[in-house]
Amino acid sequence: MDKLTIRDVDVAGRRVFLRVDFNVPLEDGKITDDSRIRAALPTIRHLLSHGAKVILASHLGRPNGKVHDGLRLRPAAERLTQLIGKNVAVTGDALGVGTVDAIKRLRPGELILLENLRFHAEEEKNDPAFAAQLASYADIYVNDAFGTAHRAHASTVGIAKLLPAYAGFLMEQEIAQLSNLLESPARPFAAIVGGAKVSGKLNVLDNLMSKVDVVVLGGGMANTFLLAQGKSIGKSLAEHDMVDEAVRVLESAEAHGVHVILPVDVIVAKEVTRGTEYKTLLADKIPASWHIVDVGAATLELMEDALRDAMTVFWNGPLGVFEIPSFAHGTKAIARFLAQRCDDGATVVVGGGDSVAAIQQQGLASRFTHISTGGGASLEFLEGRELPGVAVLPDRGAA
């Protein structure tokens, strides 16, 4: 998949509509993780240094087409101002006379950020008139928001059909890294799939079974697989209606010669809360009133043994109830182990969510090959699905 990128266009003096993903987590109006803003910096800096007039656009949260003061983009603009050393003003609205005037006043090497696109219901509806209004601001469209590429919205698909369209550096990197997993991974190739639910990861598991050599299963979804093996899991989180699908996945793995690692021992807790009583038990028979909350030491050893020779690893989802520190040990230990595998020459791609949090909390991010900014988008890509925001960008060499 070879898309035209911003290297392929002269942006000097031209207005560039740059779709970024500034959908950052906020607490009391403060950004708690600015990695998505940092990920867009190479593209922003390239456009500014080459004399573009940059109109940044993003969504934040789910305001459902209504103005929501707690979801304004001012905190993102302030953080970006600090990072690039240039003032980043935010418009009062994505539309309107004031916005048009502000864009007209932009000079080469300057930028402005439109207010939250999702304050307008037309954004998520991919409304043609809304897309046309956005397109009227610019001469060129650039998409650097891989995290929204699985959504056919006005700012990801509609506008890209109205202007010459290009991929930003982050979009290019995401496509290249994830394509490599599907098309030409160095072997052995392992996937670590965790998180709460099998249902959200089923299509990824199906698609990867014909491509990987090892699958490591953890988190709440592993409990459904333990049920599929006839084991009792007490009060643990599981999807009882997905047990037949879990059986089918295990049969598919066997048919493809894929080595599957499931927990053999687990941390169990009286309650899924901080400060509760917990202990380690074998994973084959959990007492009725206990909850599985993390993997045990023997399971971690089994997982690390299975991953020790892997030359390519894809990881998505925690191995336990990561948000409670006592039950984050397994997830953090795998993060440290994978960082070491990267140091030893393996390719490790991490697909969003709590897996990323485990890496960042331990200061390991710089050691990983690639950390995707798009949890849902990266999963859909690895399901083999076409992402609307990627498909609409022209291929290099296309007529």
Protein backbone atom coordinates (compact mmCIF):
# COMPACT_ATOMS: atom_id res chain seq x y z
CA MET A 1 0.00 0.00 0.00
CA ASP A 2 1.89 3.02 -1.29
CA LYS A 3 0.07 6.33 -0.80
CA LEU A 4 1.02 9.79 -2.03
CA THR A 5 2.47 11.70 0.92
CA ILE A 6 3.33 15.30 1.74
CA ARG A 7 6.79 14.67 0.24
CA ASP A 8 5.05 14.55 -3.14
CA VAL A 9 3.59 18.07 -3.11
CA ASP A 10 4.93 21.64 -2.97
CA VAL A 11 3.01 23.31 -0.16
CA ALA A 12 4.76 26.70 -0.19
CA GLY A 13 2.22 29.50 0.20
CA ARG A 14 -0.69 27.07 -0.03
CA ARG A 15 -3.48 26.44 2.46
CA VAL A 16 -3.30 22.90 3.85
CA PHE A 17 -6.20 21.30 5.72
CA LEU A 18 -4.45 18.89 8.09
CA ARG A 19 -6.66 16.30 9.81
CA VAL A 20 -4.92 15.30 13.03
CA ASP A 21 -6.01 13.10 15.93
CA PHE A 22 -5.95 15.30 19.03
CA ASN A 23 -8.52 13.10 20.77
CA VAL A 24 -6.44 13.12 23.95
CA PRO A 25 -7.47 12.06 27.47
CA LEU A 26 -8.39 14.94 29.77
CA GLU A 27 -8.76 15.18 33.54
CA ASP A 28 -10.04 18.43 35.03
CA GLY A 29 -9.29 20.18 31.73
CA LYS A 30 -5.67 18.97 31.70
CA ILE A 31 -4.17 16.55 29.15
CA THR A 32 -3.00 13.35 30.86
CA ASP A 33 -1.30 11.87 27.77
CA ASP A 34 -0.06 14.04 24.89
CA SER A 35 1.35 11.20 22.74
CA ARG A 36 -1.19 11.75 19.95
CA ILE A 37 -0.19 15.41 19.71
CA ARG A 38 3.50 14.49 19.68
CA ALA A 39 2.87 11.89 16.98
CA ALA A 40 1.60 14.63 14.63
CA LEU A 41 4.63 16.90 15.13
CA PRO A 42 6.78 15.64 12.21
CA THR A 43 3.99 16.38 9.72
CA ILE A 44 3.12 19.75 11.29
CA ARG A 45 6.77 20.83 11.34
CA HIS A 46 7.33 19.73 7.73
CA LEU A 47 4.35 21.73 6.47
CA LEU A 48 5.27 24.86 8.45
CA SER A 49 8.94 24.74 7.47
CA HIS A 50 7.95 24.40 3.81
CA GLY A 51 5.81 27.55 3.96
CA ALA A 52 2.30 26.11 4.19
CA LYS A 53 -0.62 27.88 5.83
CA VAL A 54 -1.86 25.07 8.07
CA ILE A 55 -5.48 24.59 9.15
CA LEU A 56 -5.50 21.86 11.81
CA ALA A 57 -8.71 19.93 12.46
CA SER A 58 -9.60 17.25 14.99
CA HIS A 59 -12.41 15.83 17.08
CA LEU A 60 -12.30 15.34 20.85
CA GLY A 61 -14.55 12.92 22.70
CA ARG A 62 -18.16 12.27 21.81
CA PRO A 63 -20.15 15.51 21.99
CA ASN A 64 -22.77 14.01 19.63
CA GLY A 65 -23.20 17.08 17.47
CA LYS A 66 -23.60 19.55 20.34
CA VAL A 67 -21.22 22.14 21.81
CA HIS A 68 -19.70 20.75 24.99
CA ASP A 69 -17.40 23.15 26.85
CA GLY A 70 -15.48 20.27 28.48
CA LEU A 71 -14.55 18.98 25.01
CA ARG A 72 -13.12 22.16 23.52
CA LEU A 73 -9.68 21.86 21.91
CA ARG A 74 -8.00 24.70 23.81
CA PRO A 75 -5.90 22.32 26.01
CA ALA A 76 -4.59 20.63 22.86
CA ALA A 77 -3.75 24.00 21.29
CA GLU A 78 -1.91 25.09 24.43
CA ARG A 79 0.12 21.86 24.50
CA LEU A 80 0.94 22.16 20.80
CA THR A 81 2.02 25.78 21.34
CA GLN A 82 4.50 24.55 23.98
CA LEU A 83 5.81 21.78 21.73
CA ILE A 84 6.39 23.81 18.55
CA GLY A 85 7.14 27.22 20.02
CA LYS A 86 4.49 28.93 17.87
CA ASN A 87 1.18 30.29 19.07
CA VAL A 88 -1.70 28.03 18.06
CA ALA A 89 -5.04 29.84 18.16
CA VAL A 90 -8.33 27.94 18.22
CA THR A 91 -11.33 29.19 16.25
CA GLY A 92 -14.61 29.70 18.11
CA ASP A 93 -16.24 27.17 15.79
CA ALA A 94 -15.22 24.94 12.88
CA LEU A 95 -17.57 27.00 10.67
CA GLY A 96 -18.58 30.65 10.40
CA VAL A 97 -17.45 34.09 9.25
CA GLY A 98 -14.91 34.44 12.08
CA THR A 99 -13.24 31.18 11.10
CA VAL A 100 -13.11 32.15 7.42
CA ASP A 101 -11.54 35.51 8.35
CA ALA A 102 -8.96 33.90 10.63
CA ILE A 103 -7.91 31.50 7.87
CA LYS A 104 -7.63 34.38 5.38
CA ARG A 105 -5.20 36.13 7.73
CA LEU A 106 -2.86 33.12 7.92
CA ARG A 107 0.61 33.70 6.50
CA PRO A 108 3.02 31.04 5.22
CA GLY A 109 4.49 29.13 8.18
CA GLU A 110 1.50 29.87 10.44
CA LEU A 111 -1.21 27.57 11.72
CA ILE A 112 -4.64 27.61 13.32
CA LEU A 113 -6.76 24.90 14.96
CA LEU A 114 -10.46 24.56 14.18
CA GLU A 115 -12.74 23.93 17.16
CA ASN A 116 -13.95 20.35 17.74
CA LEU A 117 -15.39 19.04 14.46
CA ARG A 118 -17.87 16.81 16.28
CA PHE A 119 -19.69 19.83 17.70
CA HIS A 120 -21.40 19.50 14.31
CA ALA A 121 -23.50 16.36 13.76
CA GLU A 122 -22.71 16.65 10.05
CA GLU A 123 -19.10 15.57 10.69
CA GLU A 124 -19.95 12.00 11.69
CA LYS A 125 -22.67 11.80 9.02
CA ASN A 126 -20.08 12.63 6.33
CA ASP A 127 -22.46 15.37 5.19
CA PRO A 128 -21.46 16.60 1.69
CA ALA A 129 -22.26 20.26 2.43
CA PHE A 130 -20.20 20.20 5.64
CA ALA A 131 -17.30 18.53 3.82
CA ALA A 132 -17.54 21.18 1.09
CA GLN A 133 -17.38 23.98 3.68
CA LEU A 134 -14.24 22.44 5.21
CA ALA A 135 -12.72 21.98 1.75
CA SER A 136 -13.35 25.64 0.92
CA TYR A 137 -10.74 26.63 3.53
CA ALA A 138 -7.84 24.95 1.75
CA ASP A 139 -6.00 24.05 -1.45
CA ILE A 140 -4.66 20.69 -0.24
CA TYR A 141 -5.90 18.00 2.15
CA VAL A 142 -3.56 15.95 4.36
CA ASN A 143 -4.71 13.13 6.63
CA ASP A 144 -2.40 12.32 9.54
CA ALA A 145 -5.14 10.94 11.81
CA PHE A 146 -4.79 7.18 11.50
CA GLY A 147 -6.83 6.75 14.69
CA THR A 148 -9.93 7.99 12.80
CA ALA A 149 -9.20 6.28 9.47
CA HIS A 150 -11.77 3.56 10.14
CA ARG A 151 -14.53 6.17 10.21
CA ALA A 152 -16.11 7.58 7.03
CA HIS A 153 -16.60 11.12 8.33
CA ALA A 154 -16.63 14.48 6.54
CA SER A 155 -13.07 15.32 7.64
CA THR A 156 -11.63 11.87 6.82
CA VAL A 157 -13.44 10.90 3.60
CA GLY A 158 -15.78 13.65 2.33
CA ILE A 159 -13.14 16.39 2.10
CA ALA A 160 -10.53 14.02 0.65
CA LYS A 161 -12.72 13.63 -2.45
CA LEU A 162 -12.85 17.40 -2.98
CA LEU A 163 -9.18 18.39 -2.68
CA PRO A 164 -5.82 16.93 -3.78
CA ALA A 165 -5.24 14.48 -0.92
CA TYR A 166 -2.05 13.20 0.71
CA ALA A 167 -0.98 11.11 3.69
CA GLY A 168 1.01 12.69 6.52
CA PHE A 169 4.11 11.05 7.97
CA LEU A 170 2.24 9.37 10.84
CA MET A 171 -0.39 7.94 8.49
CA GLU A 172 2.40 6.69 6.21
CA GLN A 173 4.23 5.05 9.12
CA GLU A 174 1.08 3.38 10.50
CA ILE A 175 0.19 1.90 7.11
CA ALA A 176 3.75 0.68 6.51
CA GLN A 177 4.16 -0.97 9.93
CA LEU A 178 0.76 -2.67 9.96
CA SER A 179 1.03 -3.75 6.31
CA ASN A 180 4.35 -5.38 7.15
CA LEU A 181 2.65 -7.51 9.82
CA LEU A 182 0.18 -8.87 7.28
CA GLU A 183 2.44 -9.15 4.26
CA SER A 184 6.06 -9.85 5.19
CA PRO A 185 6.73 -10.33 8.92
CA ALA A 186 10.07 -11.77 10.01
CA ARG A 187 9.42 -15.17 11.59
CA PRO A 188 8.58 -16.52 14.06
CA PHE A 189 5.60 -14.11 14.19
CA ALA A 190 3.66 -13.90 17.48
CA ALA A 191 0.49 -12.08 18.46
CA ILE A 192 -0.38 -11.19 22.06
CA VAL A 193 -4.09 -10.47 22.32
CA GLY A 194 -5.61 -9.36 25.62
CA GLY A 195 -8.30 -7.05 26.88
CA ALA A 196 -11.77 -7.69 28.21
CA LYS A 197 -13.74 -9.24 25.37
CA VAL A 198 -13.29 -11.92 22.72
CA SER A 199 -16.09 -10.34 20.65
CA GLY A 200 -14.06 -7.22 19.89
CA LYS A 201 -10.98 -9.20 18.86
CA LEU A 202 -12.58 -12.19 17.10
CA ASN A 203 -12.06 -10.94 13.54
CA VAL A 204 -8.42 -10.09 14.28
CA LEU A 205 -7.82 -13.57 15.69
CA ASP A 206 -9.49 -15.13 12.65
CA ASN A 207 -7.37 -13.13 10.22
CA LEU A 208 -4.11 -13.66 12.12
CA MET A 209 -4.48 -17.45 12.51
CA SER A 210 -3.26 -18.04 8.96
CA LYS A 211 -0.35 -15.63 9.45
CA VAL A 212 1.15 -16.13 12.94
CA ASP A 213 3.18 -18.91 14.54
CA VAL A 214 2.25 -18.16 18.16
CA VAL A 215 -0.82 -16.61 19.84
CA VAL A 216 -0.69 -15.52 23.49
CA LEU A 217 -4.11 -14.90 25.04
CA GLY A 218 -4.62 -12.88 28.22
CA GLY A 219 -6.96 -10.51 30.01
CA GLY A 220 -10.68 -11.06 30.47
CA MET A 221 -10.97 -12.59 27.02
CA ALA A 222 -8.68 -15.47 28.05
CA ASN A 223 -11.34 -16.46 30.60
CA THR A 224 -13.75 -17.20 27.75
CA PHE A 225 -11.11 -19.51 26.24
CA LEU A 226 -10.64 -21.21 29.62
CA LEU A 227 -14.40 -21.84 29.63
CA ALA A 228 -14.06 -23.25 26.11
CA GLN A 229 -11.56 -25.75 27.55
CA GLY A 230 -14.14 -26.82 30.15
CA LYS A 231 -12.50 -25.02 33.09
CA SER A 232 -14.41 -23.26 35.87
CA ILE A 233 -13.59 -19.56 36.24
CA GLY A 234 -15.65 -18.54 39.28
CA LYS A 235 -17.10 -15.02 39.03
CA SER A 236 -14.50 -13.91 36.46
CA LEU A 237 -15.39 -11.65 33.57
CA ALA A 238 -16.22 -13.75 30.49
CA GLU A 239 -18.53 -13.82 27.48
CA HIS A 240 -20.54 -17.00 27.90
CA ASP A 241 -22.25 -16.50 24.53
CA MET A 242 -18.82 -16.52 22.83
CA VAL A 243 -17.62 -19.90 24.12
CA ASP A 244 -18.49 -21.66 20.84
CA GLU A 245 -16.51 -19.02 18.93
CA ALA A 246 -13.57 -19.52 21.29
CA VAL A 247 -13.71 -23.27 20.60
CA ARG A 248 -13.71 -22.50 16.86
CA VAL A 249 -10.65 -20.20 17.22
CA LEU A 250 -8.75 -22.89 19.12
CA GLU A 251 -9.65 -25.44 16.43
CA SER A 252 -8.49 -23.00 13.73
CA ALA A 253 -5.19 -22.53 15.57
CA GLU A 254 -4.68 -26.29 15.69
CA ALA A 255 -5.50 -26.61 11.98
CA HIS A 256 -2.97 -23.89 11.11
CA GLY A 257 -0.28 -25.27 13.42
CA VAL A 258 -0.38 -22.16 15.64
CA HIS A 259 0.97 -22.54 19.18
CA VAL A 260 -1.61 -21.07 21.61
CA ILE A 261 -0.61 -19.93 25.10
CA LEU A 262 -3.38 -19.63 27.69
CA PRO A 263 -3.01 -18.96 31.44
CA VAL A 264 -1.99 -21.99 33.54
CA ASP A 265 -1.99 -20.03 36.79
CA VAL A 266 -3.76 -16.78 37.63
CA ILE A 267 -4.09 -14.10 40.27
CA VAL A 268 -7.59 -14.23 41.75
CA ALA A 269 -9.27 -11.63 43.93
CA LYS A 270 -12.29 -11.52 46.24
CA GLU A 271 -13.42 -8.31 44.53
CA VAL A 272 -12.20 -6.42 41.46
CA THR A 273 -11.22 -3.38 43.54
CA ARG A 274 -8.15 -1.81 45.10
CA GLY A 275 -7.14 -3.17 48.50
CA THR A 276 -8.98 -6.48 48.13
CA GLU A 277 -7.61 -9.89 49.13
CA TYR A 278 -5.87 -11.77 46.30
CA LYS A 279 -3.79 -14.92 45.75
CA THR A 280 -2.37 -17.16 43.02
CA LEU A 281 -4.21 -20.33 41.92
CA LEU A 282 -3.95 -22.84 39.10
CA ALA A 283 -6.21 -21.81 36.22
CA ASP A 284 -8.13 -25.07 35.97
CA LYS A 285 -10.55 -24.64 38.87
CA ILE A 286 -11.30 -21.22 40.30
CA PRO A 287 -13.57 -21.06 43.39
CA ALA A 288 -17.10 -19.83 42.67
CA SER A 289 -16.78 -16.51 44.52
CA TRP A 290 -13.39 -15.37 43.15
CA HIS A 291 -12.42 -13.28 40.11
CA ILE A 292 -9.42 -13.83 37.79
CA VAL A 293 -7.60 -10.46 37.67
CA ASP A 294 -4.10 -11.15 36.27
CA VAL A 295 -1.78 -13.88 35.00
CA GLY A 296 0.39 -15.81 37.44
CA ALA A 297 4.18 -16.24 37.51
CA ALA A 298 4.14 -19.63 35.77
CA THR A 299 1.97 -18.22 32.97
CA LEU A 300 4.32 -15.27 32.52
CA GLU A 301 7.24 -17.67 32.24
CA LEU A 302 5.31 -19.74 29.67
CA MET A 303 4.47 -16.60 27.67
CA GLU A 304 8.05 -15.32 27.72
CA ASP A 305 9.38 -18.73 26.63
CA ALA A 306 6.96 -18.72 23.69
CA LEU A 307 8.00 -15.18 22.71
CA ARG A 308 11.74 -15.56 23.28
CA ASP A 309 12.53 -16.45 19.66
CA ALA A 310 9.83 -14.32 18.02
CA MET A 311 11.24 -11.87 15.47
CA THR A 312 7.91 -10.07 14.97
CA VAL A 313 5.32 -9.42 17.68
CA PHE A 314 1.96 -7.65 17.57
CA TRP A 315 0.49 -6.76 20.97
CA ASN A 316 -2.98 -5.45 21.71
CA GLY A 317 -4.66 -5.45 25.11
CA PRO A 318 -3.62 -5.92 28.75
CA LEU A 319 -3.14 -9.31 30.44
CA GLY A 320 -5.09 -8.37 33.58
CA VAL A 321 -7.18 -5.67 35.24
CA PHE A 322 -4.50 -3.15 34.38
CA GLU A 323 -6.17 -0.07 35.89
CA ILE A 324 -5.74 -1.53 39.39
CA PRO A 325 -1.99 -1.39 40.19
CA SER A 326 -1.95 -4.72 42.10
CA PHE A 327 -3.29 -6.47 39.00
CA ALA A 328 -1.08 -4.73 36.42
CA HIS A 329 2.01 -6.86 37.08
CA GLY A 330 1.57 -9.25 34.15
CA THR A 331 0.93 -6.49 31.62
CA LYS A 332 3.91 -4.44 32.82
CA ALA A 333 6.19 -7.49 32.87
CA ILE A 334 5.33 -8.33 29.25
CA ALA A 335 5.98 -4.68 28.29
CA ARG A 336 9.48 -4.91 29.80
CA PHE A 337 10.11 -8.27 28.14
CA LEU A 338 9.04 -6.95 24.71
CA ALA A 339 11.23 -3.85 25.09
CA GLN A 340 14.16 -6.22 25.59
CA ARG A 341 13.13 -8.23 22.51
CA CYS A 342 13.24 -4.96 20.52
CA ASP A 343 16.73 -4.27 21.88
CA ASP A 344 17.70 -7.73 20.59
CA GLY A 345 16.50 -6.94 17.06
CA ALA A 346 12.87 -8.06 17.03
CA THR A 347 10.07 -5.95 15.52
CA VAL A 348 7.35 -5.20 18.07
CA VAL A 349 4.21 -3.28 17.04
CA VAL A 350 1.75 -2.26 19.76
CA GLY A 351 -1.85 -1.54 18.84
CA GLY A 352 -3.24 1.11 21.15
CA GLY A 353 -5.08 1.06 24.49
CA ASP A 354 -3.82 -0.06 27.88
CA SER A 355 -0.87 -1.87 26.29
CA VAL A 356 0.48 1.58 25.41
CA ALA A 357 -0.20 2.88 28.92
CA ALA A 358 1.85 0.00 30.37
CA ILE A 359 4.74 0.95 28.10
CA GLN A 360 4.56 4.69 28.77
CA GLN A 361 4.23 4.33 32.55
CA GLN A 362 7.54 2.50 32.58
CA GLY A 363 9.30 4.90 30.18
CA LEU A 364 9.79 2.20 27.56
CA ALA A 365 8.12 3.81 24.52
CA SER A 366 11.33 4.78 22.70
CA ARG A 367 12.49 1.15 22.67
CA PHE A 368 9.51 -0.18 20.70
CA THR A 369 9.46 -0.46 16.90
CA HIS A 370 6.05 1.17 16.54
CA ILE A 371 3.22 2.15 18.88
CA SER A 372 0.01 2.68 16.94
CA THR A 373 -2.05 5.77 17.72
CA GLY A 374 -5.20 4.03 16.50
CA GLY A 375 -6.55 1.23 18.68
CA GLY A 376 -9.76 0.56 16.74
CA ALA A 377 -8.23 1.50 13.40
CA SER A 378 -5.21 -0.77 13.86
CA LEU A 379 -7.45 -3.71 14.81
CA GLU A 380 -9.68 -3.18 11.77
CA PHE A 381 -6.60 -2.94 9.55
CA LEU A 382 -5.34 -6.27 10.93
CA GLU A 383 -8.77 -7.80 10.39
CA GLY A 384 -8.03 -7.22 6.70
CA ARG A 385 -10.78 -4.60 6.38
CA GLU A 386 -10.49 -1.58 4.14
CA LEU A 387 -10.28 1.64 6.19
CA PRO A 388 -12.32 4.41 4.49
CA GLY A 389 -9.88 7.16 5.51
CA VAL A 390 -6.96 5.22 3.99
CA ALA A 391 -8.77 3.95 0.89
CA VAL A 392 -9.74 7.48 -0.16
CA LEU A 393 -6.10 8.67 -0.25
CA PRO A 394 -4.59 8.31 -3.75
CA ASP A 395 -2.06 5.56 -4.39
CA ARG A 396 1.31 6.52 -5.79
CA GLY A 397 1.29 6.01 -9.54
CA ALA A 398 -2.52 6.06 -9.76
CA ALA A 399 -3.79 7.93 -12.78
